[in-house]
């Protein structure tokens, strides 16, 4: 099964001076198996705030080979529906987080994240998290 890797995981692996070795190994396994996928909003988050042009170009080059899931209207509609479902249960989240949930649900992906909000979303939404 393919895995949609969240920004926080990519950051811990690619942007930190001291990458998390265990997480780096897990991401490397997903990459070697061809299971890692990316969406435009996560790519934008990763590239935003990179101050040096050389580092920006390097990060962009590292991320270029990953499958980029094209977003459709149905993804955005489902994200809004998921946001409303969670809000009705008193659970708040960001627009991009709900878009990640919607894409994962529609496309049948697992979500790899270190963001605890996704555990709360999973109690109310039909999503599955990668261990």
C-alpha atoms as a PDB file:
ATOM      1  CA  UNK A   1       0.000   0.000   0.000  1.00  0.00           C
ATOM      2  CA  UNK A   2       1.268   3.490  -0.841  1.00  0.00           C
ATOM      3  CA  UNK A   3       2.051   5.939   1.936  1.00  0.00           C
ATOM      4  CA  UNK A   4       1.419   9.675   1.870  1.00  0.00           C
ATOM      5  CA  UNK A   5       4.288  11.147   3.882  1.00  0.00           C
ATOM      6  CA  UNK A   6       3.413  14.279   5.848  1.00  0.00           C
ATOM      7  CA  UNK A   7       5.545  17.425   5.948  1.00  0.00           C
ATOM      8  CA  UNK A   8       6.716  16.822   9.520  1.00  0.00           C
ATOM      9  CA  UNK A   9       8.248  13.478   8.544  1.00  0.00           C
ATOM     10  CA  UNK A  10       9.983  14.840   5.436  1.00  0.00           C
ATOM     11  CA  UNK A  11      11.344  17.703   7.542  1.00  0.00           C
ATOM     12  CA  UNK A  12      12.799  15.339  10.131  1.00  0.00           C
ATOM     13  CA  UNK A  13      14.489  13.369   7.360  1.00  0.00           C
ATOM     14  CA  UNK A  14      15.554  16.040   4.861  1.00  0.00           C
ATOM     15  CA  UNK A  15      15.669  19.469   6.460  1.00  0.00           C
ATOM     16  CA  UNK A  16      17.206  18.966   9.878  1.00  0.00           C
ATOM     17  CA  UNK A  17      20.920  19.026  10.537  1.00  0.00           C
ATOM     18  CA  UNK A  18      20.508  15.917  12.703  1.00  0.00           C
ATOM     19  CA  UNK A  19      17.978  13.685  10.901  1.00  0.00           C
ATOM     20  CA  UNK A  20      16.155  11.031  12.918  1.00  0.00           C
ATOM     21  CA  UNK A  21      17.957   7.758  11.965  1.00  0.00           C
ATOM     22  CA  UNK A  22      14.999   5.439  12.610  1.00  0.00           C
ATOM     23  CA  UNK A  23      12.589   7.630  10.675  1.00  0.00           C
ATOM     24  CA  UNK A  24      15.117   8.068   7.885  1.00  0.00           C
ATOM     25  CA  UNK A  25      15.375   4.276   7.590  1.00  0.00           C
ATOM     26  CA  UNK A  26      11.573   3.884   7.468  1.00  0.00           C
ATOM     27  CA  UNK A  27      11.254   6.556   4.778  1.00  0.00           C
ATOM     28  CA  UNK A  28      14.147   4.981   2.851  1.00  0.00           C
ATOM     29  CA  UNK A  29      12.316   1.633   2.913  1.00  0.00           C
ATOM     30  CA  UNK A  30       9.142   3.254   1.566  1.00  0.00           C
ATOM     31  CA  UNK A  31      11.135   4.993  -1.141  1.00  0.00           C
ATOM     32  CA  UNK A  32      12.993   1.828  -2.199  1.00  0.00           C
ATOM     33  CA  UNK A  33       9.683  -0.054  -2.329  1.00  0.00           C
ATOM     34  CA  UNK A  34       8.152   2.690  -4.516  1.00  0.00           C
ATOM     35  CA  UNK A  35       5.453   3.319  -1.907  1.00  0.00           C
ATOM     36  CA  UNK A  36       6.186   6.959  -0.966  1.00  0.00           C
ATOM     37  CA  UNK A  37       3.836   9.560  -2.458  1.00  0.00           C
ATOM     38  CA  UNK A  38       3.611  13.326  -2.249  1.00  0.00           C
ATOM     39  CA  UNK A  39       0.992  15.994  -2.869  1.00  0.00           C
ATOM     40  CA  UNK A  40       1.605  19.568  -3.984  1.00  0.00           C
ATOM     41  CA  UNK A  41       0.650  21.232  -0.680  1.00  0.00           C
ATOM     42  CA  UNK A  42       3.191  19.101   1.219  1.00  0.00           C
ATOM     43  CA  UNK A  43       5.841  19.913  -1.387  1.00  0.00           C
ATOM     44  CA  UNK A  44       5.048  23.602  -0.981  1.00  0.00           C
ATOM     45  CA  UNK A  45       5.306  23.387   2.820  1.00  0.00           C
ATOM     46  CA  UNK A  46       8.681  21.652   2.549  1.00  0.00           C
ATOM     47  CA  UNK A  47      10.128  24.159   0.117  1.00  0.00           C
ATOM     48  CA  UNK A  48       8.724  27.214   1.893  1.00  0.00           C
ATOM     49  CA  UNK A  49      11.069  28.908   4.287  1.00  0.00           C
ATOM     50  CA  UNK A  50      14.247  27.462   2.797  1.00  0.00           C
ATOM     51  CA  UNK A  51      16.481  30.538   2.847  1.00  0.00           C
ATOM     52  CA  UNK A  52      19.388  29.470   0.691  1.00  0.00           C
ATOM     53  CA  UNK A  53      18.892  29.008  -3.028  1.00  0.00           C
ATOM     54  CA  UNK A  54      21.351  26.113  -3.115  1.00  0.00           C
ATOM     55  CA  UNK A  55      19.502  24.264  -0.345  1.00  0.00           C
ATOM     56  CA  UNK A  56      16.162  24.988  -2.065  1.00  0.00           C
ATOM     57  CA  UNK A  57      17.451  23.527  -5.339  1.00  0.00           C
ATOM     58  CA  UNK A  58      18.853  20.471  -3.552  1.00  0.00           C
ATOM     59  CA  UNK A  59      15.630  19.791  -1.664  1.00  0.00           C
ATOM     60  CA  UNK A  60      13.581  20.275  -4.831  1.00  0.00           C
ATOM     61  CA  UNK A  61      15.852  17.808  -6.655  1.00  0.00           C
ATOM     62  CA  UNK A  62      15.516  15.210  -3.848  1.00  0.00           C
ATOM     63  CA  UNK A  63      11.718  15.414  -3.987  1.00  0.00           C
ATOM     64  CA  UNK A  64      11.333  15.447  -7.780  1.00  0.00           C
ATOM     65  CA  UNK A  65      11.220  11.652  -8.303  1.00  0.00           C
ATOM     66  CA  UNK A  66       8.288  11.035  -5.959  1.00  0.00           C
ATOM     67  CA  UNK A  67       4.861  10.310  -7.327  1.00  0.00           C
ATOM     68  CA  UNK A  68       2.878  13.546  -7.228  1.00  0.00           C
ATOM     69  CA  UNK A  69      -0.805  12.820  -6.794  1.00  0.00           C
ATOM     70  CA  UNK A  70      -2.789  15.274  -8.923  1.00  0.00           C
ATOM     71  CA  UNK A  71      -5.487  16.882  -6.809  1.00  0.00           C
ATOM     72  CA  UNK A  72      -9.040  16.951  -8.063  1.00  0.00           C
ATOM     73  CA  UNK A  73     -12.206  18.710  -6.994  1.00  0.00           C
ATOM     74  CA  UNK A  74     -13.344  15.552  -5.173  1.00  0.00           C
ATOM     75  CA  UNK A  75     -10.276  15.746  -2.912  1.00  0.00           C
ATOM     76  CA  UNK A  76     -11.142  19.276  -1.843  1.00  0.00           C
ATOM     77  CA  UNK A  77     -14.811  18.458  -1.349  1.00  0.00           C
ATOM     78  CA  UNK A  78     -13.935  15.449   0.804  1.00  0.00           C
ATOM     79  CA  UNK A  79     -11.460  17.587   2.794  1.00  0.00           C
ATOM     80  CA  UNK A  80     -14.244  20.068   3.572  1.00  0.00           C
ATOM     81  CA  UNK A  81     -16.575  17.209   4.531  1.00  0.00           C
ATOM     82  CA  UNK A  82     -13.906  15.752   6.840  1.00  0.00           C
ATOM     83  CA  UNK A  83     -13.325  19.161   8.410  1.00  0.00           C
ATOM     84  CA  UNK A  84     -17.058  19.490   9.109  1.00  0.00           C
ATOM     85  CA  UNK A  85     -17.262  15.967  10.518  1.00  0.00           C
ATOM     86  CA  UNK A  86     -14.381  16.596  12.911  1.00  0.00           C
ATOM     87  CA  UNK A  87     -15.608  20.035  13.944  1.00  0.00           C
ATOM     88  CA  UNK A  88     -18.966  18.508  14.833  1.00  0.00           C
ATOM     89  CA  UNK A  89     -17.020  16.289  17.256  1.00  0.00           C
ATOM     90  CA  UNK A  90     -15.014  19.209  18.651  1.00  0.00           C
ATOM     91  CA  UNK A  91     -11.833  18.294  16.763  1.00  0.00           C
ATOM     92  CA  UNK A  92      -9.994  21.114  14.990  1.00  0.00           C
ATOM     93  CA  UNK A  93      -7.424  20.820  12.225  1.00  0.00           C
ATOM     94  CA  UNK A  94      -5.757  22.711   9.418  1.00  0.00           C
ATOM     95  CA  UNK A  95      -7.012  22.872   5.854  1.00  0.00           C
ATOM     96  CA  UNK A  96      -3.948  20.990   4.601  1.00  0.00           C
ATOM     97  CA  UNK A  97      -4.304  18.291   7.260  1.00  0.00           C
ATOM     98  CA  UNK A  98      -7.863  17.596   6.157  1.00  0.00           C
ATOM     99  CA  UNK A  99      -6.717  17.607   2.523  1.00  0.00           C
ATOM    100  CA  UNK A 100      -4.100  14.985   3.422  1.00  0.00           C
ATOM    101  CA  UNK A 101      -6.843  12.898   5.068  1.00  0.00           C
ATOM    102  CA  UNK A 102      -9.110  13.273   2.035  1.00  0.00           C
ATOM    103  CA  UNK A 103      -6.415  12.293  -0.471  1.00  0.00           C
ATOM    104  CA  UNK A 104      -5.394   9.300   1.632  1.00  0.00           C
ATOM    105  CA  UNK A 105      -9.010   8.172   1.955  1.00  0.00           C
ATOM    106  CA  UNK A 106      -9.928   8.577  -1.721  1.00  0.00           C
ATOM    107  CA  UNK A 107      -6.674   7.126  -3.084  1.00  0.00           C
ATOM    108  CA  UNK A 108      -6.380   4.319  -0.515  1.00  0.00           C
ATOM    109  CA  UNK A 109      -3.102   5.544   1.023  1.00  0.00           C
ATOM    110  CA  UNK A 110      -1.783   5.253   4.542  1.00  0.00           C
ATOM    111  CA  UNK A 111      -0.596   8.474   6.208  1.00  0.00           C
ATOM    112  CA  UNK A 112       2.871   8.644   7.749  1.00  0.00           C
ATOM    113  CA  UNK A 113       3.074  11.487  10.249  1.00  0.00           C
ATOM    114  CA  UNK A 114       4.399  12.475  13.629  1.00  0.00           C
ATOM    115  CA  UNK A 115       1.598  15.021  14.059  1.00  0.00           C
ATOM    116  CA  UNK A 116      -0.668  13.889  16.913  1.00  0.00           C
ATOM    117  CA  UNK A 117      -3.677  15.594  15.330  1.00  0.00           C
ATOM    118  CA  UNK A 118      -3.964  12.749  12.850  1.00  0.00           C
ATOM    119  CA  UNK A 119      -4.587  10.275  15.664  1.00  0.00           C
ATOM    120  CA  UNK A 120      -7.529  12.425  16.725  1.00  0.00           C
ATOM    121  CA  UNK A 121      -8.775  12.663  13.136  1.00  0.00           C
ATOM    122  CA  UNK A 122      -8.551   8.874  12.773  1.00  0.00           C
ATOM    123  CA  UNK A 123     -11.094   8.448  15.587  1.00  0.00           C
ATOM    124  CA  UNK A 124     -13.684  10.220  13.434  1.00  0.00           C
ATOM    125  CA  UNK A 125     -12.559   9.718   9.842  1.00  0.00           C
ATOM    126  CA  UNK A 126     -12.000   6.656   7.652  1.00  0.00           C
ATOM    127  CA  UNK A 127      -8.219   7.056   7.453  1.00  0.00           C
ATOM    128  CA  UNK A 128      -5.354   4.747   8.395  1.00  0.00           C
ATOM    129  CA  UNK A 129      -1.983   5.771   9.769  1.00  0.00           C
ATOM    130  CA  UNK A 130       1.321   4.164   8.872  1.00  0.00           C
ATOM    131  CA  UNK A 131       3.149   2.875  11.969  1.00  0.00           C
END
